[in-house]
Protein backbone atom coordinates (compact mmCIF):
# COMPACT_ATOMS: atom_id res chain seq x y z
CA UNK A 1 19.65 -27.04 4.61
CA UNK A 2 22.22 -26.33 7.28
CA UNK A 3 21.67 -25.13 10.82
CA UNK A 4 24.58 -23.77 12.81
CA UNK A 5 24.63 -24.67 16.49
CA UNK A 6 27.17 -24.18 19.20
CA UNK A 7 28.40 -27.31 20.98
CA UNK A 8 26.05 -26.86 23.95
CA UNK A 9 23.00 -26.51 21.70
CA UNK A 10 24.05 -29.51 19.64
CA UNK A 11 24.58 -31.63 22.76
CA UNK A 12 21.20 -30.61 24.18
CA UNK A 13 19.35 -31.41 20.96
CA UNK A 14 21.13 -34.75 20.53
CA UNK A 15 20.43 -35.73 24.15
CA UNK A 16 16.77 -34.74 23.85
CA UNK A 17 16.40 -36.70 20.61
CA UNK A 18 18.02 -39.75 22.21
CA UNK A 19 15.54 -39.67 25.11
CA UNK A 20 12.69 -39.94 22.60
CA UNK A 21 14.40 -42.52 20.40
CA UNK A 22 14.77 -40.31 17.36
CA UNK A 23 17.50 -38.49 15.51
CA UNK A 24 18.36 -34.83 15.85
CA UNK A 25 17.32 -34.33 12.24
CA UNK A 26 13.89 -35.92 12.78
CA UNK A 27 13.44 -33.96 16.00
CA UNK A 28 14.29 -30.64 14.33
CA UNK A 29 12.02 -31.41 11.36
CA UNK A 30 9.09 -32.33 13.61
CA UNK A 31 9.58 -29.34 15.92
CA UNK A 32 9.84 -26.92 13.01
CA UNK A 33 6.74 -28.25 11.25
CA UNK A 34 4.75 -28.23 14.51
CA UNK A 35 5.80 -24.63 15.17
CA UNK A 36 4.69 -23.60 11.67
CA UNK A 37 1.34 -25.39 12.11
CA UNK A 38 0.84 -23.77 15.53
CA UNK A 39 1.51 -20.32 14.08
CA UNK A 40 -0.92 -20.94 11.20
CA UNK A 41 -3.57 -22.07 13.72
CA UNK A 42 -2.92 -19.02 15.90
CA UNK A 43 -3.32 -16.69 12.93
CA UNK A 44 -6.60 -18.38 11.96
CA UNK A 45 -7.83 -18.08 15.56
CA UNK A 46 -6.92 -14.39 15.73
CA UNK A 47 -8.74 -13.72 12.44
CA UNK A 48 -11.82 -15.61 13.66
CA UNK A 49 -11.73 -13.77 16.98
CA UNK A 50 -11.53 -10.44 15.17
CA UNK A 51 -14.44 -11.43 12.94
CA UNK A 52 -16.51 -12.51 15.94
CA UNK A 53 -15.76 -9.19 17.68
CA UNK A 54 -17.11 -7.38 14.61
CA UNK A 55 -20.25 -9.55 14.41
CA UNK A 56 -20.99 -11.82 17.35
CA UNK A 57 -24.17 -13.29 15.88
CA UNK A 58 -24.42 -17.01 16.57
CA UNK A 59 -26.93 -19.63 15.43
CA UNK A 60 -28.11 -22.85 17.00
CA UNK A 61 -28.01 -26.08 15.02
CA UNK A 62 -31.78 -25.92 14.59
CA UNK A 63 -31.54 -22.37 13.21
CA UNK A 64 -28.88 -23.42 10.70
CA UNK A 65 -30.95 -26.42 9.61
CA UNK A 66 -33.94 -24.13 9.06
CA UNK A 67 -31.83 -21.67 7.06
CA UNK A 68 -30.57 -24.51 4.87
CA UNK A 69 -33.99 -26.17 4.60
CA UNK A 70 -32.68 -29.39 6.13
């Protein structure tokens, strides 16, 4: 995979990576994967929020235990 950067962007990324004792490649990999995970989490939150707006019924732990015969 190739990413095209101008010289200022490349310098910034390399300097940032150096501050944290890592390589630009490792930094870009970590940042990209974290962004993907954050977006997946945000989508799950938005879906849960929408579901809760449609039905805001909640149950206490004791109610759940009773429902499950625990």
